[in-house]
Amino acid sequence: MANIDFSRVVTTEDKAVLQQQILLQDRKAECRMRIFAVCDEIAQINLAAAASAGLLDAAQMQTYRAGLTWIQAMRAACADGNWPDTPPDVRELAALF
């Protein structure tokens, strides 16, 4: 009888954990793509600078905050892939920057 090294046996549980990790990585990549489709990295940097410098009017600041809340909700949605809708005017504000 051959000696079996059970320390190297991949269990069904191991496979399930690996599949979950891959799914989460895929969802994080999709999340990033979805966020950048609305507001790319440069627009996010420019918006943050404008907000911190007080250059956004009250309506723009409200939209900016809604966008930040949406980004947090998007990141949380990576767990289940149930992506929240983009708040009104966020895409338009991002396009200005």
C-alpha atoms as a PDB file:
ATOM      1  CA  MET A   1       0.000   0.000   0.000  1.00  0.00           C
ATOM      2  CA  ALA A   2       1.328   3.419  -0.951  1.00  0.00           C
ATOM      3  CA  ASN A   3       1.901   6.058   1.672  1.00  0.00           C
ATOM      4  CA  ILE A   4      -0.428   9.009   1.174  1.00  0.00           C
ATOM      5  CA  ASP A   5       0.657  12.433   2.370  1.00  0.00           C
ATOM      6  CA  PHE A   6      -2.677  13.779   3.615  1.00  0.00           C
ATOM      7  CA  SER A   7      -1.127  17.177   4.316  1.00  0.00           C
ATOM      8  CA  ARG A   8      -1.232  17.756   0.543  1.00  0.00           C
ATOM      9  CA  VAL A   9      -4.764  16.528  -0.085  1.00  0.00           C
ATOM     10  CA  VAL A  10      -7.090  19.287  -1.256  1.00  0.00           C
ATOM     11  CA  THR A  11     -10.461  18.912   0.374  1.00  0.00           C
ATOM     12  CA  THR A  12     -13.826  19.971  -0.924  1.00  0.00           C
ATOM     13  CA  GLU A  13     -13.782  22.643   1.768  1.00  0.00           C
ATOM     14  CA  ASP A  14     -10.423  23.936   0.479  1.00  0.00           C
ATOM     15  CA  LYS A  15     -11.841  24.127  -3.038  1.00  0.00           C
ATOM     16  CA  ALA A  16     -14.905  26.020  -1.796  1.00  0.00           C
ATOM     17  CA  VAL A  17     -12.730  28.524   0.089  1.00  0.00           C
ATOM     18  CA  LEU A  18     -10.579  29.046  -3.000  1.00  0.00           C
ATOM     19  CA  GLN A  19     -13.671  29.582  -5.165  1.00  0.00           C
ATOM     20  CA  GLN A  20     -14.989  32.155  -2.669  1.00  0.00           C
ATOM     21  CA  GLN A  21     -11.657  33.989  -2.729  1.00  0.00           C
ATOM     22  CA  ILE A  22     -11.639  34.048  -6.522  1.00  0.00           C
ATOM     23  CA  LEU A  23     -15.244  35.268  -6.608  1.00  0.00           C
ATOM     24  CA  LEU A  24     -14.441  38.064  -4.154  1.00  0.00           C
ATOM     25  CA  GLN A  25     -11.402  39.118  -6.219  1.00  0.00           C
ATOM     26  CA  ASP A  26     -13.564  39.171  -9.350  1.00  0.00           C
ATOM     27  CA  ARG A  27     -16.234  41.245  -7.604  1.00  0.00           C
ATOM     28  CA  LYS A  28     -13.643  43.717  -6.322  1.00  0.00           C
ATOM     29  CA  ALA A  29     -12.325  44.137  -9.861  1.00  0.00           C
ATOM     30  CA  GLU A  30     -15.875  44.630 -11.139  1.00  0.00           C
ATOM     31  CA  CYS A  31     -16.553  47.132  -8.359  1.00  0.00           C
ATOM     32  CA  ARG A  32     -13.500  49.160  -9.308  1.00  0.00           C
ATOM     33  CA  MET A  33     -14.515  49.084 -12.979  1.00  0.00           C
ATOM     34  CA  ARG A  34     -18.072  50.201 -12.155  1.00  0.00           C
ATOM     35  CA  ILE A  35     -16.864  53.052  -9.928  1.00  0.00           C
ATOM     36  CA  PHE A  36     -14.318  54.248 -12.509  1.00  0.00           C
ATOM     37  CA  ALA A  37     -17.012  54.144 -15.207  1.00  0.00           C
ATOM     38  CA  VAL A  38     -18.814  56.844 -13.210  1.00  0.00           C
ATOM     39  CA  CYS A  39     -15.870  58.727 -11.742  1.00  0.00           C
ATOM     40  CA  ASP A  40     -12.342  57.803 -12.760  1.00  0.00           C
ATOM     41  CA  GLU A  41      -9.326  58.064 -10.494  1.00  0.00           C
ATOM     42  CA  ILE A  42      -8.251  61.522 -11.711  1.00  0.00           C
ATOM     43  CA  ALA A  43     -11.770  62.922 -11.282  1.00  0.00           C
ATOM     44  CA  GLN A  44     -11.871  61.489  -7.753  1.00  0.00           C
ATOM     45  CA  ILE A  45      -8.577  63.161  -6.888  1.00  0.00           C
ATOM     46  CA  ASN A  46      -9.660  66.482  -8.406  1.00  0.00           C
ATOM     47  CA  LEU A  47     -13.047  66.350  -6.672  1.00  0.00           C
ATOM     48  CA  ALA A  48     -11.422  65.622  -3.312  1.00  0.00           C
ATOM     49  CA  ALA A  49      -9.077  68.573  -3.805  1.00  0.00           C
ATOM     50  CA  ALA A  50     -11.919  70.895  -4.810  1.00  0.00           C
ATOM     51  CA  ALA A  51     -14.039  69.747  -1.860  1.00  0.00           C
ATOM     52  CA  SER A  52     -11.218  70.218   0.633  1.00  0.00           C
ATOM     53  CA  ALA A  53     -10.414  73.656  -0.786  1.00  0.00           C
ATOM     54  CA  GLY A  54     -14.042  74.743  -0.456  1.00  0.00           C
ATOM     55  CA  LEU A  55     -14.455  75.187  -4.211  1.00  0.00           C
ATOM     56  CA  LEU A  56     -17.694  73.216  -4.508  1.00  0.00           C
ATOM     57  CA  ASP A  57     -21.010  75.000  -4.053  1.00  0.00           C
ATOM     58  CA  ALA A  58     -23.609  73.565  -1.659  1.00  0.00           C
ATOM     59  CA  ALA A  59     -25.357  71.451  -4.313  1.00  0.00           C
ATOM     60  CA  GLN A  60     -22.065  70.101  -5.640  1.00  0.00           C
ATOM     61  CA  MET A  61     -20.919  69.284  -2.111  1.00  0.00           C
ATOM     62  CA  GLN A  62     -24.153  67.396  -1.456  1.00  0.00           C
ATOM     63  CA  THR A  63     -23.654  65.436  -4.686  1.00  0.00           C
ATOM     64  CA  TYR A  64     -20.003  64.813  -3.808  1.00  0.00           C
ATOM     65  CA  ARG A  65     -21.004  63.395  -0.417  1.00  0.00           C
ATOM     66  CA  ALA A  66     -23.660  61.220  -2.071  1.00  0.00           C
ATOM     67  CA  GLY A  67     -20.949  59.938  -4.405  1.00  0.00           C
ATOM     68  CA  LEU A  68     -18.675  59.056  -1.487  1.00  0.00           C
ATOM     69  CA  THR A  69     -21.531  57.222   0.220  1.00  0.00           C
ATOM     70  CA  TRP A  70     -22.238  55.374  -3.038  1.00  0.00           C
ATOM     71  CA  ILE A  71     -18.574  54.320  -3.338  1.00  0.00           C
ATOM     72  CA  GLN A  72     -18.711  52.926   0.217  1.00  0.00           C
ATOM     73  CA  ALA A  73     -21.913  51.044  -0.653  1.00  0.00           C
ATOM     74  CA  MET A  74     -20.286  49.701  -3.817  1.00  0.00           C
ATOM     75  CA  ARG A  75     -17.336  48.379  -1.829  1.00  0.00           C
ATOM     76  CA  ALA A  76     -19.687  46.736   0.673  1.00  0.00           C
ATOM     77  CA  ALA A  77     -21.614  45.158  -2.217  1.00  0.00           C
ATOM     78  CA  CYS A  78     -18.541  43.158  -3.230  1.00  0.00           C
ATOM     79  CA  ALA A  79     -19.732  40.519  -0.764  1.00  0.00           C
ATOM     80  CA  ASP A  80     -22.908  39.760  -2.696  1.00  0.00           C
ATOM     81  CA  GLY A  81     -22.615  41.569  -6.026  1.00  0.00           C
ATOM     82  CA  ASN A  82     -25.849  43.490  -5.469  1.00  0.00           C
ATOM     83  CA  TRP A  83     -24.588  46.803  -6.876  1.00  0.00           C
ATOM     84  CA  PRO A  84     -26.378  49.980  -5.728  1.00  0.00           C
ATOM     85  CA  ASP A  85     -27.605  52.534  -8.242  1.00  0.00           C
ATOM     86  CA  THR A  86     -25.517  55.627  -8.880  1.00  0.00           C
ATOM     87  CA  PRO A  87     -27.022  58.664  -7.113  1.00  0.00           C
ATOM     88  CA  PRO A  88     -28.453  61.437  -9.300  1.00  0.00           C
ATOM     89  CA  ASP A  89     -25.962  63.991 -10.630  1.00  0.00           C
ATOM     90  CA  VAL A  90     -22.822  62.115  -9.472  1.00  0.00           C
ATOM     91  CA  ARG A  91     -21.828  61.214 -13.033  1.00  0.00           C
ATOM     92  CA  GLU A  92     -22.379  64.813 -14.187  1.00  0.00           C
ATOM     93  CA  LEU A  93     -20.338  66.258 -11.318  1.00  0.00           C
ATOM     94  CA  ALA A  94     -17.496  63.815 -11.991  1.00  0.00           C
ATOM     95  CA  ALA A  95     -17.474  64.823 -15.658  1.00  0.00           C
ATOM     96  CA  LEU A  96     -16.643  68.391 -14.619  1.00  0.00           C
ATOM     97  CA  PHE A  97     -13.421  67.204 -13.028  1.00  0.00           C
END
